[in-house]
Amino acid sequence: MQSTSTLRRHARLFTDMAEAQGVDLEEAVLRARILPDDIAEGVLRCTGCASPDDCEAALADGRAGEIPGYCRNAAMLTALRDMG
């Protein structure tokens, strides 16, 4: 089981990466584009990432306009972004 601090860190990374793509996860749930469980699964996928420090750096300096190739949530975030 993941530690609370790890889950919080990756929840923040996941939501920040979504926002960097113009994706509002709460709105996506309200519009039935995803389920609340999809967000939880996205956070759990994120915890398996080997590059969270790189992700944080990309988000901090604005390089997250494109989802990094190593992102485990790239397909989900790209699909949500493309839905508008």
C-alpha atoms as a PDB file:
ATOM      1  CA  MET A   1       0.000   0.000   0.000  1.00  0.00           C
ATOM      2  CA  GLN A   2       1.198   3.487  -0.852  1.00  0.00           C
ATOM      3  CA  SER A   3       2.008   5.943   1.911  1.00  0.00           C
ATOM      4  CA  THR A   4      -0.271   8.925   2.412  1.00  0.00           C
ATOM      5  CA  SER A   5       2.482  11.346   1.384  1.00  0.00           C
ATOM      6  CA  THR A   6       3.101   9.398  -1.842  1.00  0.00           C
ATOM      7  CA  LEU A   7      -0.594   9.387  -2.694  1.00  0.00           C
ATOM      8  CA  ARG A   8      -0.880  13.128  -1.996  1.00  0.00           C
ATOM      9  CA  ARG A   9       2.176  13.891  -4.109  1.00  0.00           C
ATOM     10  CA  HIS A  10       0.902  11.911  -7.068  1.00  0.00           C
ATOM     11  CA  ALA A  11      -2.644  13.227  -6.717  1.00  0.00           C
ATOM     12  CA  ARG A  12      -1.165  16.717  -7.007  1.00  0.00           C
ATOM     13  CA  LEU A  13       1.018  15.726  -9.976  1.00  0.00           C
ATOM     14  CA  PHE A  14      -1.927  14.107 -11.741  1.00  0.00           C
ATOM     15  CA  THR A  15      -4.253  17.060 -11.263  1.00  0.00           C
ATOM     16  CA  ASP A  16      -1.528  19.580 -12.123  1.00  0.00           C
ATOM     17  CA  MET A  17      -0.698  17.698 -15.329  1.00  0.00           C
ATOM     18  CA  ALA A  18      -4.387  17.601 -16.205  1.00  0.00           C
ATOM     19  CA  GLU A  19      -4.649  21.359 -15.631  1.00  0.00           C
ATOM     20  CA  ALA A  20      -1.535  21.932 -17.757  1.00  0.00           C
ATOM     21  CA  GLN A  21      -3.439  20.199 -20.563  1.00  0.00           C
ATOM     22  CA  GLY A  22      -6.531  22.319 -20.010  1.00  0.00           C
ATOM     23  CA  VAL A  23      -8.417  19.415 -18.451  1.00  0.00           C
ATOM     24  CA  ASP A  24     -10.674  20.064 -15.467  1.00  0.00           C
ATOM     25  CA  LEU A  25     -11.102  16.647 -13.867  1.00  0.00           C
ATOM     26  CA  GLU A  26     -14.092  17.693 -11.760  1.00  0.00           C
ATOM     27  CA  GLU A  27     -15.884  19.008 -14.823  1.00  0.00           C
ATOM     28  CA  ALA A  28     -15.043  15.820 -16.704  1.00  0.00           C
ATOM     29  CA  VAL A  29     -16.785  13.852 -13.963  1.00  0.00           C
ATOM     30  CA  LEU A  30     -19.794  16.177 -13.972  1.00  0.00           C
ATOM     31  CA  ARG A  31     -20.072  15.813 -17.757  1.00  0.00           C
ATOM     32  CA  ALA A  32     -19.838  12.015 -17.392  1.00  0.00           C
ATOM     33  CA  ARG A  33     -16.658  11.856 -19.469  1.00  0.00           C
ATOM     34  CA  ILE A  34     -14.967   9.936 -16.666  1.00  0.00           C
ATOM     35  CA  LEU A  35     -16.004   8.369 -13.383  1.00  0.00           C
ATOM     36  CA  PRO A  36     -14.654   9.415  -9.991  1.00  0.00           C
ATOM     37  CA  ASP A  37     -12.960   6.010  -9.864  1.00  0.00           C
ATOM     38  CA  ASP A  38     -11.063   6.944 -13.053  1.00  0.00           C
ATOM     39  CA  ILE A  39      -9.412   9.784 -11.146  1.00  0.00           C
ATOM     40  CA  ALA A  40      -8.432   7.432  -8.342  1.00  0.00           C
ATOM     41  CA  GLU A  41      -7.029   4.969 -10.877  1.00  0.00           C
ATOM     42  CA  GLY A  42      -5.105   7.788 -12.554  1.00  0.00           C
ATOM     43  CA  VAL A  43      -3.512   8.721  -9.238  1.00  0.00           C
ATOM     44  CA  LEU A  44      -2.586   5.086  -8.607  1.00  0.00           C
ATOM     45  CA  ARG A  45      -1.082   4.799 -12.106  1.00  0.00           C
ATOM     46  CA  CYS A  46       0.908   7.931 -11.362  1.00  0.00           C
ATOM     47  CA  THR A  47       2.370   6.371  -8.213  1.00  0.00           C
ATOM     48  CA  GLY A  48       4.047   3.786 -10.445  1.00  0.00           C
ATOM     49  CA  CYS A  49       5.936   6.462 -12.374  1.00  0.00           C
ATOM     50  CA  ALA A  50       9.713   6.320 -12.218  1.00  0.00           C
ATOM     51  CA  SER A  51      10.069  10.053 -12.987  1.00  0.00           C
ATOM     52  CA  PRO A  52       7.973  12.096 -10.544  1.00  0.00           C
ATOM     53  CA  ASP A  53      10.847  14.553  -9.987  1.00  0.00           C
ATOM     54  CA  ASP A  54      11.059  15.175 -13.748  1.00  0.00           C
ATOM     55  CA  CYS A  55       7.305  15.648 -13.867  1.00  0.00           C
ATOM     56  CA  GLU A  56       7.425  18.183 -11.025  1.00  0.00           C
ATOM     57  CA  ALA A  57      10.217  20.060 -12.802  1.00  0.00           C
ATOM     58  CA  ALA A  58       8.299  20.099 -16.093  1.00  0.00           C
ATOM     59  CA  LEU A  59       5.215  21.433 -14.351  1.00  0.00           C
ATOM     60  CA  ALA A  60       7.215  24.034 -12.422  1.00  0.00           C
ATOM     61  CA  ASP A  61       8.918  25.511 -15.461  1.00  0.00           C
ATOM     62  CA  GLY A  62       6.003  25.303 -17.876  1.00  0.00           C
ATOM     63  CA  ARG A  63       7.291  22.401 -19.987  1.00  0.00           C
ATOM     64  CA  ALA A  64       4.155  20.364 -19.326  1.00  0.00           C
ATOM     65  CA  GLY A  65       2.240  21.811 -22.268  1.00  0.00           C
ATOM     66  CA  GLU A  66       2.901  18.474 -23.875  1.00  0.00           C
ATOM     67  CA  ILE A  67       2.431  15.385 -21.785  1.00  0.00           C
ATOM     68  CA  PRO A  68       5.803  13.727 -21.159  1.00  0.00           C
ATOM     69  CA  GLY A  69       6.282  10.449 -22.986  1.00  0.00           C
ATOM     70  CA  TYR A  70       6.808   8.619 -19.711  1.00  0.00           C
ATOM     71  CA  CYS A  71       3.427   9.706 -18.284  1.00  0.00           C
ATOM     72  CA  ARG A  72       1.323   6.701 -17.339  1.00  0.00           C
ATOM     73  CA  ASN A  73      -1.833   8.802 -17.786  1.00  0.00           C
ATOM     74  CA  ALA A  74      -0.991  10.219 -21.200  1.00  0.00           C
ATOM     75  CA  ALA A  75      -3.771   8.368 -23.046  1.00  0.00           C
ATOM     76  CA  MET A  76      -6.440   9.387 -20.544  1.00  0.00           C
ATOM     77  CA  LEU A  77      -5.358  13.020 -20.377  1.00  0.00           C
ATOM     78  CA  THR A  78      -4.982  13.284 -24.153  1.00  0.00           C
ATOM     79  CA  ALA A  79      -8.471  11.879 -24.687  1.00  0.00           C
ATOM     80  CA  LEU A  80      -9.978  14.293 -22.168  1.00  0.00           C
ATOM     81  CA  ARG A  81      -8.066  17.225 -23.657  1.00  0.00           C
ATOM     82  CA  ASP A  82      -9.252  16.330 -27.160  1.00  0.00           C
ATOM     83  CA  MET A  83     -12.895  16.195 -25.976  1.00  0.00           C
ATOM     84  CA  GLY A  84     -12.579  19.898 -25.293  1.00  0.00           C
END
